[in-house]
Amino acid sequence: MSNFNFYTANEVYAEKYFQLPKVFFTNEKYKKMSNDSKVAYAILKDRFSYSVKNKWVDKNNRIYFVFTVEELKGILNCAEGKVAKIKKELTEMNLLFQERGGSTWINGTKVNTPNKLYLGKPEATAEDVYLIDAAESQASSGIAKIAIPEKDQFNNENCGNAKIAIPDKSNNTNDSPGIAKIADNLYYTSSLDTNRYLIDSRQAEQEAVLLENFVTLMQDDSIGTFVPENALLLIKTFSSTLKDAKRTVKIIHNAKYKAEQVLQTKIVFEELLLYGVNTNELYNTLLKAYQKQKTETVNSIDNLIFTYVKNWFIEKAGQAVLQANQQPTNGPKIPMHDWSESV
């Protein structure tokens, strides 16, 4: 008895769940319904026992709810506008029916009663039944298999495991009454290629490690990029892979080279501080490009970065270099006084 693993009250309540009808995710009619409405349906359905306890059952033995808008806001944990939207969507899907409340006299005061809310049953077609059964069979113990018709003979000869065959699209529905004709079974998957999965996972991990160390890699002397660390960190944040990040650095180098061609002068990024240029403006220039991508429609972020950076090198960095190069190299001549001739 000392080794018996008892359930406690807290554990029982922690394992209580709301149930979502699977047809909400197989039937085209319900798939377009918002997740908020689907969850709201599950929560209200769970409160049937509360309705029975309060004897909210009409003369036709139909269960209903009596909730004010304020109560629904608390139950669904949302604002009044969201409650109205959810009720409207469920009503349009024929999953909610509202019967207008009447009025009654309480202690000499006329009081309006809340609407009666009825939940409707989701409609399940033969196709929904087939898809749901197929998914459950596939996800069971791993023994059940879903086989395409061409493989039926092979499976019958090699194993006695349970199989579910996908109907041939060319068959007439009259030939197989009661079975839905399905063009594509979205729940069907071929046998899992474990090796492929492991390879893909390993490659994803490797990409993540390389991107994480992108700044360190780019600051290596063998690469020698002039892009400052804060800009590299920004590029890393907005890149999905190391390849993407390195491509952005190359675009910055190309933009600088193009600016040098336009100005016909060499720009040494590390010397810009000597000309009074704030090199942090390169970071701000990149940030503006990424911000534009997030707030507006941008056909190519690469082209946008190239244009922004090129313009910065031409209008700010390059102009400072040109101005400095135009100054006379020799200082003004100072007349020397011959103090030997002084009186």
C-alpha atoms as a PDB file:
ATOM      1  CA  MET A   1       0.000   0.000   0.000  1.00  0.00           C
ATOM      2  CA  SER A   2       2.923   2.310   0.664  1.00  0.00           C
ATOM      3  CA  ASN A   3       3.870   2.106  -3.041  1.00  0.00           C
ATOM      4  CA  PHE A   4       0.351   2.949  -4.275  1.00  0.00           C
ATOM      5  CA  ASN A   5       0.228   6.215  -6.217  1.00  0.00           C
ATOM      6  CA  PHE A   6      -2.956   7.983  -5.110  1.00  0.00           C
ATOM      7  CA  TYR A   7      -4.640  10.863  -6.919  1.00  0.00           C
ATOM      8  CA  THR A   8      -5.145  13.970  -4.810  1.00  0.00           C
ATOM      9  CA  ALA A   9      -8.018  16.429  -5.172  1.00  0.00           C
ATOM     10  CA  ASN A  10      -5.753  19.101  -6.666  1.00  0.00           C
ATOM     11  CA  GLU A  11      -4.463  16.699  -9.302  1.00  0.00           C
ATOM     12  CA  VAL A  12      -7.989  15.713 -10.334  1.00  0.00           C
ATOM     13  CA  TYR A  13      -9.008  19.326 -10.857  1.00  0.00           C
ATOM     14  CA  ALA A  14      -5.754  20.093 -12.669  1.00  0.00           C
ATOM     15  CA  GLU A  15      -6.561  17.358 -15.197  1.00  0.00           C
ATOM     16  CA  LYS A  16      -9.984  18.677 -16.132  1.00  0.00           C
ATOM     17  CA  TYR A  17     -10.190  19.894 -19.721  1.00  0.00           C
ATOM     18  CA  PHE A  18     -12.527  21.686 -22.054  1.00  0.00           C
ATOM     19  CA  GLN A  19     -13.448  19.571 -25.076  1.00  0.00           C
ATOM     20  CA  LEU A  20     -13.308  20.984 -28.594  1.00  0.00           C
ATOM     21  CA  PRO A  21     -15.327  19.144 -31.281  1.00  0.00           C
ATOM     22  CA  LYS A  22     -12.922  17.669 -33.820  1.00  0.00           C
ATOM     23  CA  VAL A  23     -15.325  18.563 -36.604  1.00  0.00           C
ATOM     24  CA  PHE A  24     -14.346  22.215 -36.027  1.00  0.00           C
ATOM     25  CA  PHE A  25     -10.998  21.309 -37.621  1.00  0.00           C
ATOM     26  CA  THR A  26     -12.172  19.007 -40.442  1.00  0.00           C
ATOM     27  CA  ASN A  27     -15.329  20.631 -41.788  1.00  0.00           C
ATOM     28  CA  GLU A  28     -14.731  23.530 -44.186  1.00  0.00           C
ATOM     29  CA  LYS A  29     -17.696  25.353 -42.696  1.00  0.00           C
ATOM     30  CA  TYR A  30     -16.172  25.470 -39.214  1.00  0.00           C
ATOM     31  CA  LYS A  31     -12.458  25.666 -40.124  1.00  0.00           C
ATOM     32  CA  LYS A  32     -12.835  29.341 -41.018  1.00  0.00           C
ATOM     33  CA  MET A  33     -14.406  30.077 -37.623  1.00  0.00           C
ATOM     34  CA  SER A  34     -12.136  32.018 -35.248  1.00  0.00           C
ATOM     35  CA  ASN A  35     -10.378  30.133 -32.460  1.00  0.00           C
ATOM     36  CA  ASP A  36     -12.012  32.497 -29.935  1.00  0.00           C
ATOM     37  CA  SER A  37     -15.449  31.290 -30.988  1.00  0.00           C
ATOM     38  CA  LYS A  38     -14.340  27.650 -30.940  1.00  0.00           C
ATOM     39  CA  VAL A  39     -12.985  27.995 -27.398  1.00  0.00           C
ATOM     40  CA  ALA A  40     -16.108  29.899 -26.303  1.00  0.00           C
ATOM     41  CA  TYR A  41     -18.273  27.043 -27.622  1.00  0.00           C
ATOM     42  CA  ALA A  42     -16.222  24.514 -25.637  1.00  0.00           C
ATOM     43  CA  ILE A  43     -16.502  26.595 -22.444  1.00  0.00           C
ATOM     44  CA  LEU A  44     -20.275  27.022 -22.769  1.00  0.00           C
ATOM     45  CA  LYS A  45     -20.721  23.325 -23.609  1.00  0.00           C
ATOM     46  CA  ASP A  46     -18.797  22.472 -20.436  1.00  0.00           C
ATOM     47  CA  ARG A  47     -21.367  24.425 -18.396  1.00  0.00           C
ATOM     48  CA  PHE A  48     -24.282  22.178 -19.351  1.00  0.00           C
ATOM     49  CA  SER A  49     -24.094  20.579 -15.920  1.00  0.00           C
ATOM     50  CA  TYR A  50     -24.405  24.067 -14.406  1.00  0.00           C
ATOM     51  CA  SER A  51     -27.564  24.627 -16.455  1.00  0.00           C
ATOM     52  CA  VAL A  52     -29.075  21.332 -15.339  1.00  0.00           C
ATOM     53  CA  LYS A  53     -28.247  22.157 -11.725  1.00  0.00           C
ATOM     54  CA  ASN A  54     -30.080  25.480 -12.086  1.00  0.00           C
ATOM     55  CA  LYS A  55     -32.955  23.761 -13.914  1.00  0.00           C
ATOM     56  CA  TRP A  56     -32.323  25.793 -17.063  1.00  0.00           C
ATOM     57  CA  VAL A  57     -34.241  23.313 -19.196  1.00  0.00           C
ATOM     58  CA  ASP A  58     -37.265  24.415 -21.210  1.00  0.00           C
ATOM     59  CA  LYS A  59     -40.551  22.569 -21.639  1.00  0.00           C
ATOM     60  CA  ASN A  60     -39.084  20.701 -24.627  1.00  0.00           C
ATOM     61  CA  ASN A  61     -36.249  19.389 -22.438  1.00  0.00           C
ATOM     62  CA  ARG A  62     -33.727  21.613 -24.254  1.00  0.00           C
ATOM     63  CA  ILE A  63     -30.800  22.926 -22.208  1.00  0.00           C
ATOM     64  CA  TYR A  64     -30.210  26.663 -22.259  1.00  0.00           C
ATOM     65  CA  PHE A  65     -28.057  29.244 -20.491  1.00  0.00           C
ATOM     66  CA  VAL A  66     -29.072  32.416 -18.718  1.00  0.00           C
ATOM     67  CA  PHE A  67     -26.064  34.707 -18.656  1.00  0.00           C
ATOM     68  CA  THR A  68     -25.874  38.479 -18.765  1.00  0.00           C
ATOM     69  CA  VAL A  69     -23.237  40.138 -20.929  1.00  0.00           C
ATOM     70  CA  GLU A  70     -21.232  40.900 -17.803  1.00  0.00           C
ATOM     71  CA  GLU A  71     -21.326  37.245 -16.781  1.00  0.00           C
ATOM     72  CA  LEU A  72     -20.242  36.154 -20.276  1.00  0.00           C
ATOM     73  CA  LYS A  73     -17.364  38.646 -20.115  1.00  0.00           C
ATOM     74  CA  GLY A  74     -16.213  36.901 -16.938  1.00  0.00           C
ATOM     75  CA  ILE A  75     -16.733  33.381 -18.269  1.00  0.00           C
ATOM     76  CA  LEU A  76     -14.942  34.054 -21.575  1.00  0.00           C
ATOM     77  CA  ASN A  77     -12.427  36.488 -20.035  1.00  0.00           C
ATOM     78  CA  CYS A  78     -12.858  39.150 -22.688  1.00  0.00           C
ATOM     79  CA  ALA A  79     -14.310  42.602 -23.298  1.00  0.00           C
ATOM     80  CA  GLU A  80     -17.925  43.333 -24.250  1.00  0.00           C
ATOM     81  CA  GLY A  81     -17.037  43.872 -27.900  1.00  0.00           C
ATOM     82  CA  LYS A  82     -15.405  40.438 -28.113  1.00  0.00           C
ATOM     83  CA  VAL A  83     -18.471  38.821 -26.489  1.00  0.00           C
ATOM     84  CA  ALA A  84     -20.706  40.386 -29.149  1.00  0.00           C
ATOM     85  CA  LYS A  85     -18.368  39.235 -31.924  1.00  0.00           C
ATOM     86  CA  ILE A  86     -18.238  35.662 -30.583  1.00  0.00           C
ATOM     87  CA  LYS A  87     -22.019  35.473 -30.206  1.00  0.00           C
ATOM     88  CA  LYS A  88     -22.485  36.807 -33.739  1.00  0.00           C
ATOM     89  CA  GLU A  89     -20.091  34.280 -35.248  1.00  0.00           C
ATOM     90  CA  LEU A  90     -21.556  31.324 -33.364  1.00  0.00           C
ATOM     91  CA  THR A  91     -25.049  32.439 -34.413  1.00  0.00           C
ATOM     92  CA  GLU A  92     -23.997  32.665 -38.077  1.00  0.00           C
ATOM     93  CA  MET A  93     -22.560  29.138 -37.796  1.00  0.00           C
ATOM     94  CA  ASN A  94     -25.911  27.951 -36.388  1.00  0.00           C
ATOM     95  CA  LEU A  95     -24.156  26.960 -33.155  1.00  0.00           C
ATOM     96  CA  LEU A  96     -25.903  29.521 -30.953  1.00  0.00           C
ATOM     97  CA  PHE A  97     -29.565  30.476 -30.744  1.00  0.00           C
ATOM     98  CA  GLN A  98     -30.778  33.380 -28.631  1.00  0.00           C
ATOM     99  CA  GLU A  99     -34.333  33.659 -27.374  1.00  0.00           C
ATOM    100  CA  ARG A 100     -35.174  37.166 -26.251  1.00  0.00           C
ATOM    101  CA  GLY A 101     -35.836  37.418 -22.560  1.00  0.00           C
ATOM    102  CA  GLY A 102     -39.045  38.803 -21.217  1.00  0.00           C
ATOM    103  CA  SER A 103     -39.738  40.928 -18.209  1.00  0.00           C
ATOM    104  CA  THR A 104     -40.946  40.244 -14.686  1.00  0.00           C
ATOM    105  CA  TRP A 105     -41.953  42.170 -11.602  1.00  0.00           C
ATOM    106  CA  ILE A 106     -39.718  41.912  -8.563  1.00  0.00           C
ATOM    107  CA  ASN A 107     -40.781  43.779  -5.413  1.00  0.00           C
ATOM    108  CA  GLY A 108     -42.946  46.090  -7.493  1.00  0.00           C
ATOM    109  CA  THR A 109     -40.181  46.837 -10.023  1.00  0.00           C
ATOM    110  CA  LYS A 110     -40.291  45.716 -13.644  1.00  0.00           C
ATOM    111  CA  VAL A 111     -37.033  43.901 -14.479  1.00  0.00           C
ATOM    112  CA  ASN A 112     -35.927  42.618 -17.896  1.00  0.00           C
ATOM    113  CA  THR A 113     -34.708  39.023 -17.861  1.00  0.00           C
ATOM    114  CA  PRO A 114     -31.580  37.979 -19.816  1.00  0.00           C
ATOM    115  CA  ASN A 115     -31.855  36.205 -23.154  1.00  0.00           C
ATOM    116  CA  LYS A 116     -31.932  32.431 -23.195  1.00  0.00           C
ATOM    117  CA  LEU A 117     -28.878  31.036 -24.986  1.00  0.00           C
ATOM    118  CA  TYR A 118     -29.033  27.652 -26.691  1.00  0.00           C
ATOM    119  CA  LEU A 119     -26.020  25.796 -28.124  1.00  0.00           C
ATOM    120  CA  GLY A 120     -26.463  24.043 -31.442  1.00  0.00           C
ATOM    121  CA  LYS A 121     -24.961  20.685 -32.385  1.00  0.00           C
ATOM    122  CA  PRO A 122     -22.130  20.853 -34.948  1.00  0.00           C
ATOM    123  CA  GLU A 123     -22.923  19.152 -38.242  1.00  0.00           C
ATOM    124  CA  ALA A 124     -20.690  16.213 -39.126  1.00  0.00           C
ATOM    125  CA  THR A 125     -20.690  14.954 -42.699  1.00  0.00           C
ATOM    126  CA  ALA A 126     -19.601  11.528 -43.860  1.00  0.00           C
ATOM    127  CA  GLU A 127     -16.342  13.108 -44.954  1.00  0.00           C
ATOM    128  CA  ASP A 128     -15.752  14.483 -41.434  1.00  0.00           C
ATOM    129  CA  VAL A 129     -16.395  11.057 -39.937  1.00  0.00           C
ATOM    130  CA  TYR A 130     -13.931   9.485 -42.350  1.00  0.00           C
ATOM    131  CA  LEU A 131     -11.213  12.075 -41.699  1.00  0.00           C
ATOM    132  CA  ILE A 132     -11.599  11.908 -37.927  1.00  0.00           C
ATOM    133  CA  ASP A 133     -11.586   8.099 -37.881  1.00  0.00           C
ATOM    134  CA  ALA A 134      -8.562   8.008 -40.168  1.00  0.00           C
ATOM    135  CA  ALA A 135      -6.658  10.440 -37.974  1.00  0.00           C
ATOM    136  CA  GLU A 136      -7.464   8.520 -34.805  1.00  0.00           C
ATOM    137  CA  SER A 137      -6.490   5.218 -36.411  1.00  0.00           C
ATOM    138  CA  GLN A 138      -3.183   6.629 -37.591  1.00  0.00           C
ATOM    139  CA  ALA A 139      -2.383   8.156 -34.214  1.00  0.00           C
ATOM    140  CA  SER A 140      -3.310   5.090 -32.174  1.00  0.00           C
ATOM    141  CA  SER A 141      -0.592   2.598 -31.254  1.00  0.00           C
ATOM    142  CA  GLY A 142       1.454   2.791 -34.413  1.00  0.00           C
ATOM    143  CA  ILE A 143       0.186  -0.648 -35.473  1.00  0.00           C
ATOM    144  CA  ALA A 144      -2.686   0.725 -37.525  1.00  0.00           C
ATOM    145  CA  LYS A 145      -1.623   1.974 -40.941  1.00  0.00           C
ATOM    146  CA  ILE A 146      -3.230   4.213 -43.540  1.00  0.00           C
ATOM    147  CA  ALA A 147      -2.458   2.789 -46.956  1.00  0.00           C
ATOM    148  CA  ILE A 148      -3.076   4.171 -50.399  1.00  0.00           C
ATOM    149  CA  PRO A 149      -4.957   1.721 -52.677  1.00  0.00           C
ATOM    150  CA  GLU A 150      -1.913   0.898 -54.782  1.00  0.00           C
ATOM    151  CA  LYS A 151      -0.175  -0.507 -51.686  1.00  0.00           C
ATOM    152  CA  ASP A 152      -3.091  -2.620 -50.440  1.00  0.00           C
ATOM    153  CA  GLN A 153      -1.806  -5.832 -52.049  1.00  0.00           C
ATOM    154  CA  PHE A 154       1.674  -5.269 -50.634  1.00  0.00           C
ATOM    155  CA  ASN A 155       0.357  -4.665 -47.137  1.00  0.00           C
ATOM    156  CA  ASN A 156      -1.975  -7.654 -47.244  1.00  0.00           C
ATOM    157  CA  GLU A 157       0.876  -9.947 -48.217  1.00  0.00           C
ATOM    158  CA  ASN A 158       3.361  -8.670 -45.679  1.00  0.00           C
ATOM    159  CA  CYS A 159       1.423  -8.040 -42.491  1.00  0.00           C
ATOM    160  CA  GLY A 160      -1.843  -8.613 -40.754  1.00  0.00           C
ATOM    161  CA  ASN A 161      -1.999  -5.165 -39.218  1.00  0.00           C
ATOM    162  CA  ALA A 162      -5.143  -3.090 -39.465  1.00  0.00           C
ATOM    163  CA  LYS A 163      -5.309  -0.861 -42.533  1.00  0.00           C
ATOM    164  CA  ILE A 164      -7.470   2.010 -43.730  1.00  0.00           C
ATOM    165  CA  ALA A 165      -7.575   2.432 -47.494  1.00  0.00           C
ATOM    166  CA  ILE A 166      -8.187   5.818 -49.094  1.00  0.00           C
ATOM    167  CA  PRO A 167     -11.071   5.633 -51.587  1.00  0.00           C
ATOM    168  CA  ASP A 168     -10.105   5.890 -55.245  1.00  0.00           C
ATOM    169  CA  LYS A 169     -11.165   9.275 -56.634  1.00  0.00           C
ATOM    170  CA  SER A 170     -12.291   7.603 -59.868  1.00  0.00           C
ATOM    171  CA  ASN A 171     -14.850   5.361 -58.140  1.00  0.00           C
ATOM    172  CA  ASN A 172     -18.470   6.396 -58.309  1.00  0.00           C
ATOM    173  CA  THR A 173     -19.978   7.142 -54.889  1.00  0.00           C
ATOM    174  CA  ASN A 174     -22.818   4.777 -55.712  1.00  0.00           C
ATOM    175  CA  ASP A 175     -20.334   1.905 -55.782  1.00  0.00           C
ATOM    176  CA  SER A 176     -19.448   2.499 -52.144  1.00  0.00           C
ATOM    177  CA  PRO A 177     -22.562   3.830 -50.378  1.00  0.00           C
ATOM    178  CA  GLY A 178     -21.965   5.434 -46.997  1.00  0.00           C
ATOM    179  CA  ILE A 179     -18.315   6.149 -47.709  1.00  0.00           C
ATOM    180  CA  ALA A 180     -17.350   9.741 -48.444  1.00  0.00           C
ATOM    181  CA  LYS A 181     -15.498  10.354 -51.702  1.00  0.00           C
ATOM    182  CA  ILE A 182     -12.421  12.376 -50.743  1.00  0.00           C
ATOM    183  CA  ALA A 183     -10.079  14.020 -53.203  1.00  0.00           C
ATOM    184  CA  ASP A 184      -7.274  14.398 -50.729  1.00  0.00           C
ATOM    185  CA  ASN A 185      -6.978  13.005 -47.230  1.00  0.00           C
ATOM    186  CA  LEU A 186      -5.236  15.746 -45.313  1.00  0.00           C
ATOM    187  CA  TYR A 187      -4.584  13.378 -42.455  1.00  0.00           C
ATOM    188  CA  TYR A 188      -2.668  10.914 -44.609  1.00  0.00           C
ATOM    189  CA  THR A 189       1.072  10.871 -44.332  1.00  0.00           C
ATOM    190  CA  SER A 190       3.509   8.370 -45.756  1.00  0.00           C
ATOM    191  CA  SER A 191       5.704   6.390 -43.434  1.00  0.00           C
ATOM    192  CA  LEU A 192       7.889   8.683 -41.344  1.00  0.00           C
ATOM    193  CA  ASP A 193      11.447   8.957 -42.589  1.00  0.00           C
ATOM    194  CA  THR A 194      13.189   8.980 -39.232  1.00  0.00           C
ATOM    195  CA  ASN A 195      16.637   9.536 -40.708  1.00  0.00           C
ATOM    196  CA  ARG A 196      15.426  12.510 -42.743  1.00  0.00           C
ATOM    197  CA  TYR A 197      13.821  13.979 -39.626  1.00  0.00           C
ATOM    198  CA  LEU A 198      17.011  13.589 -37.609  1.00  0.00           C
ATOM    199  CA  ILE A 199      19.101  15.135 -40.383  1.00  0.00           C
ATOM    200  CA  ASP A 200      16.752  18.111 -40.708  1.00  0.00           C
ATOM    201  CA  SER A 201      16.734  18.632 -36.940  1.00  0.00           C
ATOM    202  CA  ARG A 202      20.524  18.483 -36.763  1.00  0.00           C
ATOM    203  CA  GLN A 203      20.873  20.949 -39.622  1.00  0.00           C
ATOM    204  CA  ALA A 204      18.449  23.338 -37.922  1.00  0.00           C
ATOM    205  CA  GLU A 205      20.482  23.150 -34.709  1.00  0.00           C
ATOM    206  CA  GLN A 206      23.701  23.805 -36.637  1.00  0.00           C
ATOM    207  CA  GLU A 207      22.170  26.832 -38.360  1.00  0.00           C
ATOM    208  CA  ALA A 208      21.053  28.186 -34.995  1.00  0.00           C
ATOM    209  CA  VAL A 209      24.553  27.826 -33.523  1.00  0.00           C
ATOM    210  CA  LEU A 210      26.183  29.535 -36.517  1.00  0.00           C
ATOM    211  CA  LEU A 211      23.725  32.434 -36.446  1.00  0.00           C
ATOM    212  CA  GLU A 212      24.185  32.813 -32.691  1.00  0.00           C
ATOM    213  CA  ASN A 213      27.935  33.274 -33.252  1.00  0.00           C
ATOM    214  CA  PHE A 214      27.523  35.457 -36.342  1.00  0.00           C
ATOM    215  CA  VAL A 215      29.035  38.586 -34.765  1.00  0.00           C
ATOM    216  CA  THR A 216      32.115  36.710 -33.566  1.00  0.00           C
ATOM    217  CA  LEU A 217      32.584  35.090 -36.961  1.00  0.00           C
ATOM    218  CA  MET A 218      32.302  38.398 -38.825  1.00  0.00           C
ATOM    219  CA  GLN A 219      34.784  40.124 -36.515  1.00  0.00           C
ATOM    220  CA  ASP A 220      37.425  37.536 -37.333  1.00  0.00           C
ATOM    221  CA  ASP A 221      40.542  39.129 -38.863  1.00  0.00           C
ATOM    222  CA  SER A 222      40.330  36.829 -41.882  1.00  0.00           C
ATOM    223  CA  ILE A 223      37.002  38.377 -42.892  1.00  0.00           C
ATOM    224  CA  GLY A 224      37.842  41.954 -42.021  1.00  0.00           C
ATOM    225  CA  THR A 225      34.431  43.633 -42.326  1.00  0.00           C
ATOM    226  CA  PHE A 226      34.148  47.306 -41.417  1.00  0.00           C
ATOM    227  CA  VAL A 227      30.539  46.908 -40.201  1.00  0.00           C
ATOM    228  CA  PRO A 228      30.503  47.838 -36.474  1.00  0.00           C
ATOM    229  CA  GLU A 229      29.361  45.437 -33.773  1.00  0.00           C
ATOM    230  CA  ASN A 230      26.036  47.138 -33.028  1.00  0.00           C
ATOM    231  CA  ALA A 231      25.088  46.910 -36.714  1.00  0.00           C
ATOM    232  CA  LEU A 232      26.126  43.244 -36.835  1.00  0.00           C
ATOM    233  CA  LEU A 233      23.920  42.516 -33.811  1.00  0.00           C
ATOM    234  CA  LEU A 234      21.015  44.239 -35.547  1.00  0.00           C
ATOM    235  CA  ILE A 235      21.566  42.188 -38.703  1.00  0.00           C
ATOM    236  CA  LYS A 236      21.671  38.997 -36.635  1.00  0.00           C
ATOM    237  CA  THR A 237      18.350  39.865 -34.979  1.00  0.00           C
ATOM    238  CA  PHE A 238      16.578  40.326 -38.319  1.00  0.00           C
ATOM    239  CA  SER A 239      18.135  37.308 -40.075  1.00  0.00           C
ATOM    240  CA  SER A 240      16.776  33.765 -40.167  1.00  0.00           C
ATOM    241  CA  THR A 241      20.047  32.032 -41.038  1.00  0.00           C
ATOM    242  CA  LEU A 242      23.767  32.712 -41.107  1.00  0.00           C
ATOM    243  CA  LYS A 243      23.549  32.852 -44.900  1.00  0.00           C
ATOM    244  CA  ASP A 244      20.957  35.644 -44.719  1.00  0.00           C
ATOM    245  CA  ALA A 245      23.070  37.627 -42.253  1.00  0.00           C
ATOM    246  CA  LYS A 246      26.262  37.297 -44.333  1.00  0.00           C
ATOM    247  CA  ARG A 247      24.367  38.349 -47.442  1.00  0.00           C
ATOM    248  CA  THR A 248      23.271  41.553 -45.681  1.00  0.00           C
ATOM    249  CA  VAL A 249      26.885  42.350 -44.755  1.00  0.00           C
ATOM    250  CA  LYS A 250      27.895  41.847 -48.388  1.00  0.00           C
ATOM    251  CA  ILE A 251      25.113  44.214 -49.484  1.00  0.00           C
ATOM    252  CA  ILE A 252      26.518  46.893 -47.149  1.00  0.00           C
ATOM    253  CA  HIS A 253      29.993  46.443 -48.647  1.00  0.00           C
ATOM    254  CA  ASN A 254      28.540  46.695 -52.163  1.00  0.00           C
ATOM    255  CA  ALA A 255      26.623  49.844 -51.221  1.00  0.00           C
ATOM    256  CA  LYS A 256      29.811  51.470 -49.919  1.00  0.00           C
ATOM    257  CA  TYR A 257      31.686  50.508 -53.096  1.00  0.00           C
ATOM    258  CA  LYS A 258      28.913  51.979 -55.248  1.00  0.00           C
ATOM    259  CA  ALA A 259      29.043  55.232 -53.254  1.00  0.00           C
ATOM    260  CA  GLU A 260      32.817  55.399 -53.797  1.00  0.00           C
ATOM    261  CA  GLN A 261      32.251  55.036 -57.545  1.00  0.00           C
ATOM    262  CA  VAL A 262      29.681  57.823 -57.559  1.00  0.00           C
ATOM    263  CA  LEU A 263      31.896  60.181 -55.532  1.00  0.00           C
ATOM    264  CA  GLN A 264      35.113  58.968 -57.182  1.00  0.00           C
ATOM    265  CA  THR A 265      36.831  58.884 -53.812  1.00  0.00           C
ATOM    266  CA  LYS A 266      37.919  56.223 -51.352  1.00  0.00           C
ATOM    267  CA  ILE A 267      36.003  55.981 -48.087  1.00  0.00           C
ATOM    268  CA  VAL A 268      37.772  54.325 -45.155  1.00  0.00           C
ATOM    269  CA  PHE A 269      35.074  53.599 -42.591  1.00  0.00           C
ATOM    270  CA  GLU A 270      37.509  53.410 -39.695  1.00  0.00           C
ATOM    271  CA  GLU A 271      38.713  56.976 -40.449  1.00  0.00           C
ATOM    272  CA  LEU A 272      35.254  58.565 -40.582  1.00  0.00           C
ATOM    273  CA  LEU A 273      35.456  59.624 -36.932  1.00  0.00           C
ATOM    274  CA  LEU A 274      38.435  61.789 -37.872  1.00  0.00           C
ATOM    275  CA  TYR A 275      36.169  63.655 -40.305  1.00  0.00           C
ATOM    276  CA  GLY A 276      33.482  64.207 -37.657  1.00  0.00           C
ATOM    277  CA  VAL A 277      31.120  61.501 -38.963  1.00  0.00           C
ATOM    278  CA  ASN A 278      28.958  59.678 -36.426  1.00  0.00           C
ATOM    279  CA  THR A 279      29.428  56.051 -37.483  1.00  0.00           C
ATOM    280  CA  ASN A 280      26.447  55.009 -35.358  1.00  0.00           C
ATOM    281  CA  GLU A 281      24.334  56.478 -38.156  1.00  0.00           C
ATOM    282  CA  LEU A 282      25.004  53.267 -40.124  1.00  0.00           C
ATOM    283  CA  TYR A 283      23.146  51.370 -37.393  1.00  0.00           C
ATOM    284  CA  ASN A 284      20.277  53.880 -37.563  1.00  0.00           C
ATOM    285  CA  THR A 285      20.173  53.568 -41.346  1.00  0.00           C
ATOM    286  CA  LEU A 286      19.798  49.782 -41.122  1.00  0.00           C
ATOM    287  CA  LEU A 287      17.204  50.172 -38.390  1.00  0.00           C
ATOM    288  CA  LYS A 288      15.109  52.445 -40.617  1.00  0.00           C
ATOM    289  CA  ALA A 289      15.189  49.829 -43.378  1.00  0.00           C
ATOM    290  CA  TYR A 290      14.057  47.031 -41.051  1.00  0.00           C
ATOM    291  CA  GLN A 291      11.388  49.276 -39.534  1.00  0.00           C
ATOM    292  CA  LYS A 292      10.019  50.093 -42.985  1.00  0.00           C
ATOM    293  CA  GLN A 293       9.849  46.378 -43.758  1.00  0.00           C
ATOM    294  CA  LYS A 294       7.743  45.801 -40.628  1.00  0.00           C
ATOM    295  CA  THR A 295       5.320  48.677 -41.182  1.00  0.00           C
ATOM    296  CA  GLU A 296       5.007  48.888 -44.968  1.00  0.00           C
ATOM    297  CA  THR A 297       4.975  46.634 -47.997  1.00  0.00           C
ATOM    298  CA  VAL A 298       8.577  46.081 -49.098  1.00  0.00           C
ATOM    299  CA  ASN A 299       9.236  44.048 -52.226  1.00  0.00           C
ATOM    300  CA  SER A 300      12.902  43.393 -51.398  1.00  0.00           C
ATOM    301  CA  ILE A 301      14.595  44.141 -48.088  1.00  0.00           C
ATOM    302  CA  ASP A 302      17.954  43.584 -49.788  1.00  0.00           C
ATOM    303  CA  ASN A 303      17.293  46.369 -52.308  1.00  0.00           C
ATOM    304  CA  LEU A 304      16.011  48.638 -49.557  1.00  0.00           C
ATOM    305  CA  ILE A 305      19.136  48.143 -47.406  1.00  0.00           C
ATOM    306  CA  PHE A 306      21.398  48.706 -50.423  1.00  0.00           C
ATOM    307  CA  THR A 307      19.651  51.970 -51.300  1.00  0.00           C
ATOM    308  CA  TYR A 308      19.561  53.316 -47.736  1.00  0.00           C
ATOM    309  CA  VAL A 309      23.210  52.468 -47.023  1.00  0.00           C
ATOM    310  CA  LYS A 310      24.467  53.740 -50.393  1.00  0.00           C
ATOM    311  CA  ASN A 311      22.667  57.059 -49.865  1.00  0.00           C
ATOM    312  CA  TRP A 312      24.140  57.396 -46.362  1.00  0.00           C
ATOM    313  CA  PHE A 313      27.666  56.860 -47.651  1.00  0.00           C
ATOM    314  CA  ILE A 314      27.114  59.390 -50.455  1.00  0.00           C
ATOM    315  CA  GLU A 315      25.282  62.085 -48.503  1.00  0.00           C
ATOM    316  CA  LYS A 316      26.960  61.840 -45.082  1.00  0.00           C
ATOM    317  CA  ALA A 317      30.178  59.847 -44.931  1.00  0.00           C
ATOM    318  CA  GLY A 318      31.379  60.601 -48.460  1.00  0.00           C
ATOM    319  CA  GLN A 319      30.658  64.331 -48.288  1.00  0.00           C
ATOM    320  CA  ALA A 320      32.678  64.603 -45.074  1.00  0.00           C
ATOM    321  CA  VAL A 321      35.618  62.868 -46.758  1.00  0.00           C
ATOM    322  CA  LEU A 322      35.394  65.094 -49.842  1.00  0.00           C
ATOM    323  CA  GLN A 323      35.242  68.229 -47.751  1.00  0.00           C
ATOM    324  CA  ALA A 324      38.294  67.182 -45.766  1.00  0.00           C
ATOM    325  CA  ASN A 325      40.249  66.368 -48.948  1.00  0.00           C
ATOM    326  CA  GLN A 326      39.491  69.767 -50.469  1.00  0.00           C
ATOM    327  CA  GLN A 327      41.178  71.682 -47.621  1.00  0.00           C
ATOM    328  CA  PRO A 328      44.757  72.909 -48.417  1.00  0.00           C
ATOM    329  CA  THR A 329      47.421  70.554 -47.240  1.00  0.00           C
ATOM    330  CA  ASN A 330      49.856  73.370 -46.385  1.00  0.00           C
ATOM    331  CA  GLY A 331      49.002  75.767 -43.603  1.00  0.00           C
ATOM    332  CA  PRO A 332      49.023  79.574 -44.096  1.00  0.00           C
ATOM    333  CA  LYS A 333      52.468  81.187 -44.535  1.00  0.00           C
ATOM    334  CA  ILE A 334      53.556  83.182 -41.494  1.00  0.00           C
ATOM    335  CA  PRO A 335      56.024  85.999 -42.160  1.00  0.00           C
ATOM    336  CA  MET A 336      59.230  85.570 -40.199  1.00  0.00           C
ATOM    337  CA  HIS A 337      60.540  88.704 -38.483  1.00  0.00           C
ATOM    338  CA  ASP A 338      64.257  89.212 -38.557  1.00  0.00           C
ATOM    339  CA  TRP A 339      64.905  90.138 -34.974  1.00  0.00           C
ATOM    340  CA  SER A 340      68.533  90.759 -35.799  1.00  0.00           C
ATOM    341  CA  GLU A 341      67.475  93.968 -37.493  1.00  0.00           C
ATOM    342  CA  SER A 342      65.555  95.246 -34.518  1.00  0.00           C
ATOM    343  CA  VAL A 343      66.593  98.529 -33.021  1.00  0.00           C
END
